[in-house]
């Protein structure tokens, strides 16, 4: 499955992205875990950042806290 993710300020939308990317991964649960801890150049994990996960059609399918790339998943 192909997913797109956006790291945004809490409550934000994809157009307010600090970082975006895409990934090819087997299922949505794995995608959720991965995008919460993806290393994002220039973005420091702090309260108030979220990750938006979209499916291949651009539909938001999940939103959760960004934990940062130094987090063990």
Protein backbone atom coordinates (compact mmCIF):
# COMPACT_ATOMS: atom_id res chain seq x y z
CA UNK A 1 0.00 0.00 0.00
CA UNK A 2 1.15 3.53 -0.73
CA UNK A 3 0.63 6.24 1.88
CA UNK A 4 1.50 9.93 2.09
CA UNK A 5 2.27 11.63 5.40
CA UNK A 6 2.51 15.23 6.54
CA UNK A 7 3.99 16.56 9.78
CA UNK A 8 1.92 19.62 10.72
CA UNK A 9 1.15 21.84 13.71
CA UNK A 10 -1.63 20.30 15.84
CA UNK A 11 -5.00 20.81 14.20
CA UNK A 12 -3.33 21.80 10.95
CA UNK A 13 -3.88 20.57 7.43
CA UNK A 14 -1.62 19.15 4.75
CA UNK A 15 -1.04 22.61 3.28
CA UNK A 16 0.68 23.61 6.54
CA UNK A 17 3.22 20.79 6.33
CA UNK A 18 6.62 21.12 7.89
CA UNK A 19 7.67 17.91 6.18
CA UNK A 20 5.93 15.45 3.88
CA UNK A 21 6.80 12.13 2.36
CA UNK A 22 5.44 8.88 1.09
CA UNK A 23 5.97 5.25 1.91
CA UNK A 24 5.15 1.84 0.55
CA UNK A 25 4.27 -0.49 3.40
CA UNK A 26 2.09 -3.56 3.89
CA UNK A 27 -0.69 -2.29 6.17
CA UNK A 28 -2.14 0.74 7.89
CA UNK A 29 -1.01 -0.21 11.41
CA UNK A 30 2.62 -0.45 10.29
CA UNK A 31 2.23 2.86 8.45
CA UNK A 32 0.90 4.58 11.59
CA UNK A 33 3.83 3.36 13.70
CA UNK A 34 6.36 4.35 11.06
CA UNK A 35 5.14 7.89 10.39
CA UNK A 36 5.03 8.76 14.09
CA UNK A 37 8.77 8.15 14.33
CA UNK A 38 10.03 9.03 10.86
CA UNK A 39 13.20 11.13 10.88
CA UNK A 40 12.27 14.55 9.54
CA UNK A 41 15.20 16.81 8.69
CA UNK A 42 14.87 20.11 10.50
CA UNK A 43 11.87 19.04 12.58
CA UNK A 44 12.27 18.45 16.30
CA UNK A 45 9.62 16.39 18.07
CA UNK A 46 7.75 18.64 20.46
CA UNK A 47 4.24 18.88 21.82
CA UNK A 48 1.90 20.34 19.27
CA UNK A 49 3.06 18.43 16.18
CA UNK A 50 0.89 15.85 14.47
CA UNK A 51 1.22 13.45 11.59
CA UNK A 52 -1.51 13.20 8.97
CA UNK A 53 -1.60 9.91 7.09
CA UNK A 54 -3.39 9.75 3.75
CA UNK A 55 -4.20 6.81 1.53
CA UNK A 56 -3.32 6.61 -2.15
CA UNK A 57 -6.37 8.70 -3.10
CA UNK A 58 -5.39 11.58 -0.79
CA UNK A 59 -8.04 10.83 1.82
CA UNK A 60 -6.98 11.37 5.45
CA UNK A 61 -7.17 8.01 7.17
CA UNK A 62 -5.36 8.71 10.44
CA UNK A 63 -3.95 11.56 12.51
CA UNK A 64 -1.74 11.24 15.58
CA UNK A 65 1.14 12.77 17.52
CA UNK A 66 4.59 13.08 15.97
CA UNK A 67 7.01 11.37 18.37
CA UNK A 68 10.23 12.11 16.53
CA UNK A 69 12.89 10.12 14.74
CA UNK A 70 14.82 9.33 17.92
CA UNK A 71 11.89 7.36 19.37
CA UNK A 72 12.19 3.60 19.41
CA UNK A 73 9.13 2.07 17.77
